[in-house]
C-alpha atoms as a PDB file:
ATOM      1  CA  MET A   1     140.471  60.885  85.550  1.00  0.00           C
ATOM      2  CA  THR A   2     140.969  62.909  82.361  1.00  0.00           C
ATOM      3  CA  ALA A   3     138.272  60.950  80.622  1.00  0.00           C
ATOM      4  CA  HIS A   4     135.874  61.730  83.454  1.00  0.00           C
ATOM      5  CA  VAL A   5     136.538  65.491  83.152  1.00  0.00           C
ATOM      6  CA  LEU A   6     136.030  65.361  79.409  1.00  0.00           C
ATOM      7  CA  LEU A   7     132.687  63.631  79.872  1.00  0.00           C
ATOM      8  CA  MET A   8     131.513  66.370  82.273  1.00  0.00           C
ATOM      9  CA  THR A   9     132.115  69.205  79.840  1.00  0.00           C
ATOM     10  CA  ALA A  10     129.203  70.324  77.685  1.00  0.00           C
ATOM     11  CA  GLN A  11     128.921  68.511  74.416  1.00  0.00           C
ATOM     12  CA  PRO A  12     128.219  70.521  71.225  1.00  0.00           C
ATOM     13  CA  GLY A  13     124.552  69.466  71.102  1.00  0.00           C
ATOM     14  CA  GLN A  14     123.810  70.121  74.810  1.00  0.00           C
ATOM     15  CA  GLN A  15     122.651  73.346  76.398  1.00  0.00           C
ATOM     16  CA  GLY A  16     124.485  74.914  79.311  1.00  0.00           C
ATOM     17  CA  GLY A  17     121.520  74.998  81.719  1.00  0.00           C
ATOM     18  CA  GLY A  18     123.645  73.775  84.600  1.00  0.00           C
ATOM     19  CA  ALA A  19     124.758  77.287  85.517  1.00  0.00           C
ATOM     20  CA  LEU A  20     121.180  78.515  85.856  1.00  0.00           C
ATOM     21  CA  LEU A  21     120.221  75.494  87.934  1.00  0.00           C
ATOM     22  CA  GLY A  22     123.239  76.138  90.134  1.00  0.00           C
ATOM     23  CA  PHE A  23     122.055  79.663  90.895  1.00  0.00           C
ATOM     24  CA  LEU A  24     118.388  78.700  91.336  1.00  0.00           C
ATOM     25  CA  PRO A  25     118.624  78.110  95.128  1.00  0.00           C
ATOM     26  CA  PHE A  26     120.241  81.522  95.631  1.00  0.00           C
ATOM     27  CA  ILE A  27     117.602  83.199  93.498  1.00  0.00           C
ATOM     28  CA  LEU A  28     114.846  81.468  95.479  1.00  0.00           C
ATOM     29  CA  ILE A  29     116.410  82.563  98.782  1.00  0.00           C
ATOM     30  CA  ILE A  30     116.534  86.182  97.614  1.00  0.00           C
ATOM     31  CA  VAL A  31     112.899  86.069  96.468  1.00  0.00           C
ATOM     32  CA  ILE A  32     111.779  84.535  99.773  1.00  0.00           C
ATOM     33  CA  MET A  33     113.755  87.142 101.752  1.00  0.00           C
ATOM     34  CA  TYR A  34     112.095  89.905  99.747  1.00  0.00           C
ATOM     35  CA  PHE A  35     108.576  88.688 100.476  1.00  0.00           C
ATOM     36  CA  LEU A  36     109.199  87.767 104.118  1.00  0.00           C
ATOM     37  CA  MET A  37     111.478  90.595 105.256  1.00  0.00           C
ATOM     38  CA  ILE A  38     111.926  93.537 102.915  1.00  0.00           C
ATOM     39  CA  ARG A  39     108.378  94.035 101.613  1.00  0.00           C
ATOM     40  CA  PRO A  40     106.676  94.028 105.070  1.00  0.00           C
ATOM     41  CA  GLN A  41     109.288  96.470 106.410  1.00  0.00           C
ATOM     42  CA  VAL A  42     108.676  98.898 103.547  1.00  0.00           C
ATOM     43  CA  LYS A  43     104.928  98.626 104.163  1.00  0.00           C
ATOM     44  CA  ARG A  44     105.376  99.418 107.889  1.00  0.00           C
ATOM     45  CA  GLN A  45     107.576 102.420 107.034  1.00  0.00           C
ATOM     46  CA  LYS A  46     104.922 103.788 104.663  1.00  0.00           C
ATOM     47  CA  GLU A  47     102.190 103.341 107.296  1.00  0.00           C
ATOM     48  CA  ARG A  48     104.332 105.085 109.930  1.00  0.00           C
ATOM     49  CA  GLN A  49     105.108 107.988 107.583  1.00  0.00           C
ATOM     50  CA  LYS A  50     101.409 108.308 106.769  1.00  0.00           C
ATOM     51  CA  MET A  51     100.631 108.409 110.508  1.00  0.00           C
ATOM     52  CA  LEU A  52     103.297 111.067 111.130  1.00  0.00           C
ATOM     53  CA  ASP A  53     102.086 113.187 108.207  1.00  0.00           C
ATOM     54  CA  GLY A  54      98.499 112.958 109.431  1.00  0.00           C
ATOM     55  CA  LEU A  55      99.172 114.242 112.949  1.00  0.00           C
ATOM     56  CA  LYS A  56      97.193 117.300 113.976  1.00  0.00           C
ATOM     57  CA  LYS A  57      96.566 119.465 116.984  1.00  0.00           C
ATOM     58  CA  GLY A  58      94.698 117.639 119.748  1.00  0.00           C
ATOM     59  CA  ASP A  59      95.858 114.115 118.878  1.00  0.00           C
ATOM     60  CA  GLU A  60      96.911 111.944 121.795  1.00  0.00           C
ATOM     61  CA  VAL A  61     100.283 110.330 121.125  1.00  0.00           C
ATOM     62  CA  LEU A  62     102.900 108.116 122.733  1.00  0.00           C
ATOM     63  CA  VAL A  63     106.438 109.535 122.716  1.00  0.00           C
ATOM     64  CA  ALA A  64     109.180 107.321 124.176  1.00  0.00           C
ATOM     65  CA  GLY A  65     106.787 105.863 126.758  1.00  0.00           C
ATOM     66  CA  ILE A  66     105.209 109.215 127.649  1.00  0.00           C
ATOM     67  CA  TYR A  67     101.578 109.859 126.802  1.00  0.00           C
ATOM     68  CA  GLY A  68     100.584 113.372 125.826  1.00  0.00           C
ATOM     69  CA  LYS A  69      98.427 115.561 123.643  1.00  0.00           C
ATOM     70  CA  ILE A  70      99.751 117.590 120.724  1.00  0.00           C
ATOM     71  CA  VAL A  71      99.416 121.312 121.467  1.00  0.00           C
ATOM     72  CA  THR A  72     101.166 122.816 118.459  1.00  0.00           C
ATOM     73  CA  PHE A  73     103.782 122.245 115.787  1.00  0.00           C
ATOM     74  CA  THR A  74     106.996 124.248 115.607  1.00  0.00           C
ATOM     75  CA  ASP A  75     108.586 125.846 112.574  1.00  0.00           C
ATOM     76  CA  GLU A  76     108.860 123.600 109.526  1.00  0.00           C
ATOM     77  CA  ASP A  77     106.817 120.915 111.366  1.00  0.00           C
ATOM     78  CA  LYS A  78     109.965 119.071 112.456  1.00  0.00           C
ATOM     79  CA  ALA A  79     109.145 119.285 116.160  1.00  0.00           C
ATOM     80  CA  VAL A  80     105.950 119.006 118.149  1.00  0.00           C
ATOM     81  CA  ILE A  81     104.926 120.521 121.466  1.00  0.00           C
ATOM     82  CA  VAL A  82     103.260 117.773 123.521  1.00  0.00           C
ATOM     83  CA  LYS A  83     101.266 118.578 126.657  1.00  0.00           C
ATOM     84  CA  VAL A  84     101.929 115.904 129.265  1.00  0.00           C
ATOM     85  CA  ASP A  85     100.335 117.533 132.294  1.00  0.00           C
ATOM     86  CA  ASP A  86      98.628 120.831 133.094  1.00  0.00           C
ATOM     87  CA  ASN A  87     101.995 122.491 133.725  1.00  0.00           C
ATOM     88  CA  THR A  88     104.269 120.311 131.622  1.00  0.00           C
ATOM     89  CA  LYS A  89     104.919 120.652 127.908  1.00  0.00           C
ATOM     90  CA  LEU A  90     107.639 118.840 125.984  1.00  0.00           C
ATOM     91  CA  LYS A  91     109.197 119.768 122.677  1.00  0.00           C
ATOM     92  CA  VAL A  92     109.898 116.502 120.843  1.00  0.00           C
ATOM     93  CA  ASP A  93     111.045 115.568 117.385  1.00  0.00           C
ATOM     94  CA  ARG A  94     108.137 114.552 115.178  1.00  0.00           C
ATOM     95  CA  SER A  95     109.854 111.284 114.207  1.00  0.00           C
ATOM     96  CA  SER A  96     110.111 110.219 117.867  1.00  0.00           C
ATOM     97  CA  ILE A  97     106.330 109.801 118.087  1.00  0.00           C
ATOM     98  CA  THR A  98     105.766 106.061 118.120  1.00  0.00           C
ATOM     99  CA  VAL A  99     101.983 105.614 118.306  1.00  0.00           C
ATOM    100  CA  LEU A 100      98.891 107.684 117.624  1.00  0.00           C
ATOM    101  CA  VAL A 101      96.830 106.702 120.661  1.00  0.00           C
ATOM    102  CA  LYS A 102      93.675 108.660 119.893  1.00  0.00           C
ATOM    103  CA  ALA A 103      92.960 111.008 117.033  1.00  0.00           C
ATOM    104  CA  SER A 104      91.310 114.314 117.861  1.00  0.00           C
ATOM    105  CA  LYS A 105      87.685 114.783 116.905  1.00  0.00           C
ATOM    106  CA  ASP A 106      88.222 118.418 115.921  1.00  0.00           C
ATOM    107  CA  LYS A 107      88.280 119.082 112.199  1.00  0.00           C
ATOM    108  CA  GLU A 108      90.904 121.758 111.547  1.00  0.00           C
END
Protein backbone atom coordinates (compact mmCIF):
# COMPACT_ATOMS: atom_id res chain seq x y z
CA MET A 1 0.00 0.00 0.00
CA THR A 2 2.81 2.41 0.91
CA ALA A 3 4.57 1.67 -2.33
CA HIS A 4 1.41 2.49 -4.25
CA VAL A 5 1.10 5.90 -2.53
CA LEU A 6 4.73 6.68 -3.24
CA LEU A 7 4.23 5.88 -6.92
CA MET A 8 1.27 8.29 -7.12
CA THR A 9 3.20 11.28 -5.84
CA ALA A 10 4.80 13.57 -8.40
CA GLN A 11 8.29 12.61 -9.37
CA PRO A 12 10.98 15.34 -9.61
CA GLY A 13 10.90 15.38 -13.43
CA GLN A 14 7.08 15.45 -13.76
CA GLN A 15 4.82 18.48 -13.85
CA GLY A 16 1.89 18.86 -11.49
CA GLY A 17 -0.80 19.27 -14.18
CA GLY A 18 -3.17 16.95 -12.36
CA ALA A 19 -4.58 19.76 -10.23
CA LEU A 20 -5.51 21.83 -13.27
CA LEU A 21 -7.10 18.84 -14.96
CA GLY A 22 -9.05 18.16 -11.78
CA PHE A 23 -10.55 21.65 -11.85
CA LEU A 24 -11.20 21.67 -15.61
CA PRO A 25 -14.78 20.28 -15.37
CA PHE A 26 -15.71 22.94 -12.80
CA ILE A 27 -14.21 25.67 -14.94
CA LEU A 28 -16.13 24.41 -17.98
CA ILE A 29 -19.39 24.33 -16.00
CA ILE A 30 -18.88 27.94 -14.88
CA VAL A 31 -18.13 29.07 -18.44
CA ILE A 32 -21.20 27.27 -19.80
CA MET A 33 -23.40 28.77 -17.05
CA TYR A 34 -22.11 32.23 -17.93
CA PHE A 35 -22.98 31.91 -21.61
CA LEU A 36 -26.31 30.14 -21.10
CA MET A 37 -27.69 31.93 -18.04
CA ILE A 38 -25.88 35.05 -16.87
CA ARG A 39 -25.07 36.76 -20.18
CA PRO A 40 -28.63 36.52 -21.64
CA GLN A 41 -30.10 37.82 -18.36
CA VAL A 42 -27.80 40.85 -18.38
CA LYS A 43 -28.75 41.51 -22.01
CA ARG A 44 -32.49 41.37 -21.16
CA GLN A 45 -31.96 43.76 -18.23
CA LYS A 46 -30.17 46.26 -20.49
CA GLU A 47 -32.95 46.06 -23.09
CA ARG A 48 -35.62 46.57 -20.41
CA GLN A 49 -33.76 49.56 -18.94
CA LYS A 50 -33.41 51.05 -22.42
CA MET A 51 -37.17 50.60 -22.94
CA LEU A 52 -37.98 52.24 -19.59
CA ASP A 53 -35.62 55.16 -20.28
CA GLY A 54 -37.16 55.68 -23.71
CA LEU A 55 -40.76 55.99 -22.51
CA LYS A 56 -42.53 59.20 -23.46
CA LYS A 57 -45.92 60.80 -23.28
CA GLY A 58 -48.50 59.04 -25.46
CA ASP A 59 -46.89 55.59 -25.42
CA GLU A 60 -49.24 52.67 -24.90
CA VAL A 61 -47.94 50.35 -22.18
CA LEU A 62 -48.83 47.22 -20.25
CA VAL A 63 -48.70 47.58 -16.46
CA ALA A 64 -49.44 44.45 -14.41
CA GLY A 65 -51.95 43.22 -16.99
CA ILE A 66 -53.60 46.62 -17.48
CA TYR A 67 -53.27 48.40 -20.80
CA GLY A 68 -53.05 52.18 -20.77
CA LYS A 69 -51.54 55.27 -22.31
CA ILE A 70 -48.91 57.40 -20.59
CA VAL A 71 -50.34 60.84 -19.79
CA THR A 72 -47.48 62.38 -17.83
CA PHE A 73 -44.48 61.66 -15.63
CA THR A 74 -44.33 62.69 -11.99
CA ASP A 75 -41.48 64.37 -10.16
CA GLU A 76 -38.07 62.80 -10.70
CA ASP A 77 -39.60 60.47 -13.34
CA LYS A 78 -40.00 57.65 -10.82
CA ALA A 79 -43.75 57.32 -11.36
CA VAL A 80 -45.98 57.54 -14.39
CA ILE A 81 -49.61 58.58 -14.76
CA VAL A 82 -51.30 56.04 -17.05
CA LYS A 83 -54.72 56.71 -18.56
CA VAL A 84 -56.72 53.49 -18.58
CA ASP A 85 -60.15 54.84 -19.47
CA ASP A 86 -61.70 58.25 -20.10
CA ASN A 87 -62.26 58.75 -16.37
CA THR A 88 -59.57 56.50 -14.94
CA LYS A 89 -55.93 57.40 -14.41
CA LEU A 90 -53.44 55.33 -12.43
CA LYS A 91 -50.20 56.44 -10.84
CA VAL A 92 -47.75 53.55 -11.21
CA ASP A 93 -44.08 53.06 -10.56
CA ARG A 94 -42.05 53.35 -13.75
CA SER A 95 -40.33 50.01 -13.11
CA SER A 96 -43.69 48.19 -12.99
CA ILE A 97 -44.23 48.80 -16.71
CA THR A 98 -43.65 45.44 -18.34
CA VAL A 99 -44.15 46.02 -22.08
CA LEU A 100 -44.19 48.96 -24.46
CA VAL A 101 -47.20 47.99 -26.56
CA LYS A 102 -47.13 50.86 -29.04
CA ALA A 103 -44.83 53.84 -29.19
CA SER A 104 -46.41 57.24 -29.76
CA LYS A 105 -45.95 58.87 -33.13
CA ASP A 106 -45.58 62.34 -31.61
CA LYS A 107 -42.05 63.70 -31.54
CA GLU A 108 -41.62 65.62 -28.29
